[in-house]
Amino acid sequence: MDLSCVIASFADPLGLYLTTFAIIEQLSKTRLEWEIVIAADGGTDYKYEKLPNVRCLRLTGGNRTGSPQGTRDAGIRAASAASVLCIESHVVINDIASLLEVHKALGGAITVPARIGETAEMFSSFGYEMDWESGSFWNKRTIYSPQNGIQPWRIVGFGHAAFMIDRDWYIRSGGYCLEMKGFGGEEPDLNLLVWQTGRETWMVPSVTHAHYLTPGAHNDETLSSNFARNFCIAAYEHGGHEYLQKVENHFGYRLQKNAAIEARRKLICGGKFGGDLNKLREYLRQEGIVS
């Protein structure tokens, strides 16, 4: 099989329907062998989920994930192909076949299409610069213009509404940290895991995706203890106590580490940079990937 498309969805029947049929319409015109895996955190079965090349992984009862990373993880692990397009319901991508071709040619762990039409301001974005110092451990500055014309370039920070991923790398590296609960923190954690394991993430500006972002959708969640805890986990896993302290001070939260968090930290310490985020940052600067 050439491609698996994992659609991660939660309480979004309209977006899920439109995203599913947008993919079917596009891929049916190619010669690719493909499948759609709908990873739905709860919800109700629909007949279109049983169309040819479509299957639904409906997570119910004790299998509910309650988080975007948990839902994406379940879909990626259930996928059949080595290359997986991970996409949220309420997202439309303009050229899946081209993204797959470039993804294979570049050989990165993750390949990201540019984002267009974001929010009511209708801006485009090409990833973001990481905030290493203030303690948010997330988006310091959104990149609003291409950095290399129409040619792909390597990036660190990006949103997870749509990306192509090497499934084998994802499984071997540990993928998303499922110790995180609810929304937040999963982006920098997986983004940095790519580089910690000696792989690369590429931005491809010639392919775009439109992501409908509901106004105020995550306002309550950004004030939750889970949100703070998730970013503390990401900081500790990748930067040890030095970066954990910055994030704890930023959120006014103290992380209680457990065996799963320590195991993840140990896994990252076994990578290319030994779990030393300062060494990774210096490498990224030397390579011209960050300033």
Protein backbone atom coordinates (compact mmCIF):
# COMPACT_ATOMS: atom_id res chain seq x y z
CA MET A 1 0.00 0.00 0.00
CA ASP A 2 1.28 3.47 -0.91
CA LEU A 3 -0.49 5.67 1.62
CA SER A 4 -2.64 5.59 4.73
CA CYS A 5 -4.66 8.70 5.57
CA VAL A 6 -5.49 8.91 9.26
CA ILE A 7 -8.27 11.36 10.07
CA ALA A 8 -8.29 12.20 13.78
CA SER A 9 -11.69 13.39 14.96
CA PHE A 10 -13.57 14.29 18.13
CA ALA A 11 -17.21 15.45 18.21
CA ASP A 12 -16.93 16.86 14.69
CA PRO A 13 -19.33 14.97 12.38
CA LEU A 14 -19.59 17.74 9.78
CA GLY A 15 -15.83 18.29 9.55
CA LEU A 16 -15.19 14.55 9.47
CA TYR A 17 -17.64 14.05 6.61
CA LEU A 18 -16.15 16.85 4.51
CA THR A 19 -12.53 15.84 5.16
CA THR A 20 -13.26 12.18 4.36
CA PHE A 21 -14.94 12.93 1.04
CA ALA A 22 -12.32 15.53 0.10
CA ILE A 23 -9.65 12.83 0.44
CA ILE A 24 -11.71 10.23 -1.44
CA GLU A 25 -12.37 12.64 -4.30
CA GLN A 26 -8.69 13.50 -4.60
CA LEU A 27 -7.09 10.06 -4.21
CA SER A 28 -9.63 8.31 -6.43
CA LYS A 29 -8.09 10.21 -9.35
CA THR A 30 -4.60 8.84 -8.69
CA ARG A 31 -3.02 5.45 -9.26
CA LEU A 32 -2.02 5.19 -5.63
CA GLU A 33 -3.06 2.28 -3.46
CA TRP A 34 -4.53 4.02 -0.43
CA GLU A 35 -6.75 3.73 2.60
CA ILE A 36 -8.50 6.07 5.00
CA VAL A 37 -8.43 5.24 8.70
CA ILE A 38 -10.92 7.34 10.65
CA ALA A 39 -9.66 7.54 14.23
CA ALA A 40 -12.75 8.81 16.05
CA ASP A 41 -12.66 9.48 19.78
CA GLY A 42 -16.26 8.52 20.53
CA GLY A 43 -19.20 9.49 18.33
CA THR A 44 -21.72 7.53 16.28
CA ASP A 45 -21.20 5.15 13.37
CA TYR A 46 -22.03 6.49 9.90
CA LYS A 47 -22.60 4.52 6.70
CA TYR A 48 -19.92 6.43 4.78
CA GLU A 49 -17.35 5.05 7.23
CA LYS A 50 -17.82 1.69 5.50
CA LEU A 51 -17.11 2.88 1.95
CA PRO A 52 -14.39 1.10 -0.06
CA ASN A 53 -10.88 1.97 1.17
CA VAL A 54 -12.36 3.47 4.34
CA ARG A 55 -12.40 1.95 7.81
CA CYS A 56 -13.26 3.47 11.15
CA LEU A 57 -11.34 2.95 14.35
CA ARG A 58 -14.01 4.18 16.77
CA LEU A 59 -12.63 4.56 20.26
CA THR A 60 -15.34 4.01 22.85
CA GLY A 61 -15.68 3.19 26.54
CA GLY A 62 -12.34 2.51 28.16
CA ASN A 63 -10.57 3.05 24.82
CA ARG A 64 -11.50 6.74 24.64
CA THR A 65 -8.32 8.83 24.42
CA GLY A 66 -9.56 12.26 25.47
CA SER A 67 -6.61 13.86 23.69
CA PRO A 68 -5.58 14.74 20.12
CA GLN A 69 -2.27 12.91 20.50
CA GLY A 70 -3.97 9.75 21.77
CA THR A 71 -6.39 9.72 18.84
CA ARG A 72 -3.66 10.36 16.27
CA ASP A 73 -1.46 7.70 17.87
CA ALA A 74 -4.21 5.08 17.66
CA GLY A 75 -4.78 5.86 13.98
CA ILE A 76 -1.09 5.87 13.04
CA ARG A 77 -0.54 2.51 14.75
CA ALA A 78 -3.59 1.03 12.99
CA ALA A 79 -2.43 2.24 9.56
CA SER A 80 -1.19 -0.23 6.94
CA ALA A 81 1.20 1.89 4.86
CA ALA A 82 4.73 3.02 5.67
CA SER A 83 3.77 6.62 4.79
CA VAL A 84 0.88 8.09 6.76
CA LEU A 85 -0.93 11.37 6.19
CA CYS A 86 -2.17 12.39 9.63
CA ILE A 87 -4.93 14.97 9.26
CA GLU A 88 -7.61 16.41 11.51
CA SER A 89 -11.25 16.45 10.59
CA HIS A 90 -12.08 20.03 9.47
CA VAL A 91 -8.91 20.09 7.35
CA VAL A 92 -8.60 20.01 3.54
CA ILE A 93 -5.25 19.45 1.80
CA ASN A 94 -4.77 20.47 -1.83
CA ASP A 95 -2.34 17.88 -3.28
CA ILE A 96 -1.87 14.69 -1.28
CA ALA A 97 -0.09 12.82 -4.08
CA SER A 98 2.54 15.57 -4.45
CA LEU A 99 3.12 15.68 -0.69
CA LEU A 100 3.69 11.92 -0.65
CA GLU A 101 6.14 12.17 -3.55
CA VAL A 102 8.15 14.93 -1.88
CA HIS A 103 8.02 13.15 1.49
CA LYS A 104 9.62 10.06 -0.01
CA ALA A 105 12.20 12.06 -1.95
CA LEU A 106 13.32 14.10 1.08
CA GLY A 107 13.46 11.09 3.39
CA GLY A 108 12.46 12.98 6.52
CA ALA A 109 10.57 11.57 9.46
CA ILE A 110 7.84 14.20 8.99
CA THR A 111 6.87 16.38 6.03
CA VAL A 112 4.54 19.34 6.56
CA PRO A 113 2.39 21.25 4.04
CA ALA A 114 1.97 25.01 4.50
CA ARG A 115 -1.20 26.20 6.22
CA ILE A 116 -3.53 28.68 4.50
CA GLY A 117 -6.68 30.59 5.44
CA GLU A 118 -6.10 30.44 9.20
CA THR A 119 -8.65 32.16 11.47
CA ALA A 120 -10.79 35.13 10.46
CA GLU A 121 -7.61 36.96 9.38
CA MET A 122 -7.01 34.36 6.63
CA PHE A 123 -3.24 34.26 7.13
CA SER A 124 -0.86 31.59 5.86
CA SER A 125 1.79 30.03 8.08
CA PHE A 126 4.91 27.97 7.50
CA GLY A 127 5.58 26.65 10.99
CA TYR A 128 6.78 28.59 14.02
CA GLU A 129 9.87 29.44 16.03
CA MET A 130 10.14 27.64 19.36
CA ASP A 131 10.06 29.60 22.60
CA TRP A 132 13.03 28.14 24.44
CA GLU A 133 13.51 30.69 27.20
CA SER A 134 10.29 32.26 28.56
CA GLY A 135 8.86 28.94 29.72
CA SER A 136 5.89 28.53 27.37
CA PHE A 137 7.90 25.89 25.43
CA TRP A 138 5.69 26.44 22.40
CA ASN A 139 5.18 29.09 19.72
CA LYS A 140 7.39 32.17 20.09
CA ARG A 141 6.67 33.54 16.60
CA THR A 142 4.58 32.25 13.72
CA ILE A 143 6.41 32.19 10.37
CA TYR A 144 4.11 33.97 7.91
CA SER A 145 6.21 33.87 4.73
CA PRO A 146 8.21 31.18 2.92
CA GLN A 147 11.85 30.99 3.96
CA ASN A 148 13.16 29.34 0.78
CA GLY A 149 10.84 30.35 -2.05
CA ILE A 150 8.96 27.32 -3.33
CA GLN A 151 11.69 24.88 -2.28
CA PRO A 152 11.29 22.77 0.89
CA TRP A 153 13.32 23.62 3.98
CA ARG A 154 13.89 22.04 7.39
CA ILE A 155 11.84 23.22 10.37
CA VAL A 156 11.37 22.48 14.06
CA GLY A 157 8.01 23.93 15.13
CA PHE A 158 4.75 23.22 13.32
CA GLY A 159 1.07 22.65 14.03
CA HIS A 160 -0.30 19.13 13.78
CA ALA A 161 -3.45 19.70 11.74
CA ALA A 162 -1.84 17.93 8.75
CA PHE A 163 1.50 16.19 8.25
CA MET A 164 3.02 13.18 6.50
CA ILE A 165 4.91 10.80 8.77
CA ASP A 166 7.22 7.81 8.46
CA ARG A 167 5.20 5.24 10.39
CA ASP A 168 8.21 2.97 11.06
CA TRP A 169 10.11 5.87 12.62
CA TYR A 170 7.05 6.79 14.68
CA ILE A 171 6.74 3.29 16.14
CA ARG A 172 10.47 2.88 16.81
CA SER A 173 10.88 6.29 18.42
CA GLY A 174 7.88 5.96 20.74
CA GLY A 175 5.73 8.53 18.92
CA TYR A 176 3.46 10.80 20.92
CA CYS A 177 3.84 10.77 24.69
CA LEU A 178 0.60 9.22 25.89
CA GLU A 179 1.35 10.20 29.46
CA MET A 180 0.05 13.62 28.40
CA LYS A 181 -3.66 14.14 29.02
CA GLY A 182 -6.00 16.42 27.11
CA PHE A 183 -4.91 19.21 24.77
CA GLY A 184 -1.47 20.82 24.65
CA GLY A 185 2.21 19.93 24.74
CA GLU A 186 2.08 17.15 22.16
CA GLU A 187 3.34 19.40 19.35
CA PRO A 188 6.75 20.42 20.74
CA ASP A 189 7.21 16.96 22.22
CA LEU A 190 6.87 15.11 18.89
CA ASN A 191 8.51 17.93 16.91
CA LEU A 192 11.66 17.73 19.02
CA LEU A 193 11.61 13.93 19.09
CA VAL A 194 12.29 13.96 15.34
CA TRP A 195 15.57 15.83 15.82
CA GLN A 196 16.53 14.04 19.06
CA THR A 197 16.45 10.75 17.12
CA GLY A 198 18.65 12.10 14.32
CA ARG A 199 15.87 12.59 11.76
CA GLU A 200 14.49 15.69 10.00
CA THR A 201 11.22 17.56 9.51
CA TRP A 202 10.61 19.37 6.22
CA MET A 203 8.25 22.20 5.30
CA VAL A 204 6.84 21.92 1.76
CA PRO A 205 5.35 25.29 0.74
CA SER A 206 4.11 24.04 -2.64
CA VAL A 207 1.45 21.91 -0.90
CA THR A 208 -1.10 23.58 1.38
CA HIS A 209 -3.82 22.67 3.83
CA ALA A 210 -6.76 24.69 5.09
CA HIS A 211 -7.50 24.20 8.77
CA TYR A 212 -10.80 25.44 10.18
CA LEU A 213 -9.96 26.64 13.67
CA THR A 214 -13.06 27.21 15.79
CA PRO A 215 -12.72 30.60 17.55
CA GLY A 216 -11.99 30.11 21.23
CA ALA A 217 -12.00 26.32 20.88
CA HIS A 218 -9.16 25.75 23.38
CA ASN A 219 -9.53 28.74 25.70
CA ASP A 220 -10.65 26.73 28.72
CA GLU A 221 -8.09 24.00 28.12
CA THR A 222 -5.13 26.39 28.11
CA LEU A 223 -5.96 27.26 31.73
CA SER A 224 -6.19 23.65 32.89
CA SER A 225 -3.70 21.74 35.02
CA ASN A 226 -3.41 19.13 32.26
CA PHE A 227 -2.23 21.80 29.83
CA ALA A 228 0.49 22.95 32.24
CA ARG A 229 1.47 19.39 33.08
CA ASN A 230 1.80 18.42 29.41
CA PHE A 231 4.23 21.24 28.66
CA CYS A 232 6.21 20.41 31.79
CA ILE A 233 6.48 16.81 30.59
CA ALA A 234 7.70 17.93 27.15
CA ALA A 235 10.29 20.26 28.67
CA TYR A 236 11.61 17.64 31.07
CA GLU A 237 11.76 14.87 28.49
CA HIS A 238 13.78 16.96 26.06
CA GLY A 239 15.72 19.34 28.30
CA GLY A 240 15.92 17.80 31.74
CA HIS A 241 15.61 19.86 34.92
CA GLU A 242 17.02 23.04 33.36
CA TYR A 243 14.09 23.42 30.97
CA LEU A 244 11.54 21.88 33.31
CA GLN A 245 12.22 24.63 35.86
CA LYS A 246 11.55 27.34 33.26
CA VAL A 247 8.22 25.81 32.29
CA GLU A 248 7.19 25.12 35.88
CA ASN A 249 7.85 28.78 36.74
CA HIS A 250 5.93 29.94 33.66
CA PHE A 251 2.81 27.95 34.53
CA GLY A 252 3.12 28.02 38.31
CA TYR A 253 2.94 24.23 38.28
CA ARG A 254 5.16 21.52 39.76
CA LEU A 255 5.51 18.29 37.82
CA GLN A 256 5.20 15.03 39.72
CA LYS A 257 7.31 12.63 37.70
CA ASN A 258 6.33 8.99 37.39
CA ALA A 259 7.86 5.85 35.86
CA ALA A 260 6.36 6.52 32.41
CA ILE A 261 7.79 10.04 32.29
CA GLU A 262 11.20 8.85 33.46
CA ALA A 263 11.16 6.06 30.85
CA ARG A 264 10.46 8.59 28.13
CA ARG A 265 13.27 10.83 29.37
CA LYS A 266 15.63 7.82 29.31
CA LEU A 267 14.58 7.00 25.75
CA ILE A 268 15.38 10.55 24.59
CA CYS A 269 18.70 10.53 26.47
CA GLY A 270 19.62 7.54 24.34
CA GLY A 271 19.25 9.61 21.17
CA LYS A 272 21.68 11.63 19.09
CA PHE A 273 22.03 14.52 21.55
CA GLY A 274 21.88 12.54 24.79
CA GLY A 275 18.78 14.39 25.95
CA ASP A 276 20.75 17.66 26.06
CA LEU A 277 18.48 20.28 24.52
CA ASN A 278 21.28 22.86 24.49
CA LYS A 279 23.33 20.58 22.24
CA LEU A 280 20.34 20.08 19.94
CA ARG A 281 19.74 23.84 19.80
CA GLU A 282 23.39 24.46 18.91
CA TYR A 283 23.17 21.86 16.13
CA LEU A 284 20.01 23.50 14.77
CA ARG A 285 21.77 26.89 14.76
CA GLN A 286 24.84 25.49 13.01
CA GLU A 287 22.62 23.93 10.35
CA GLY A 288 20.76 27.21 9.82
CA ILE A 289 17.45 25.66 10.85
CA VAL A 290 16.93 28.11 13.73
CA SER A 291 18.54 31.47 14.44
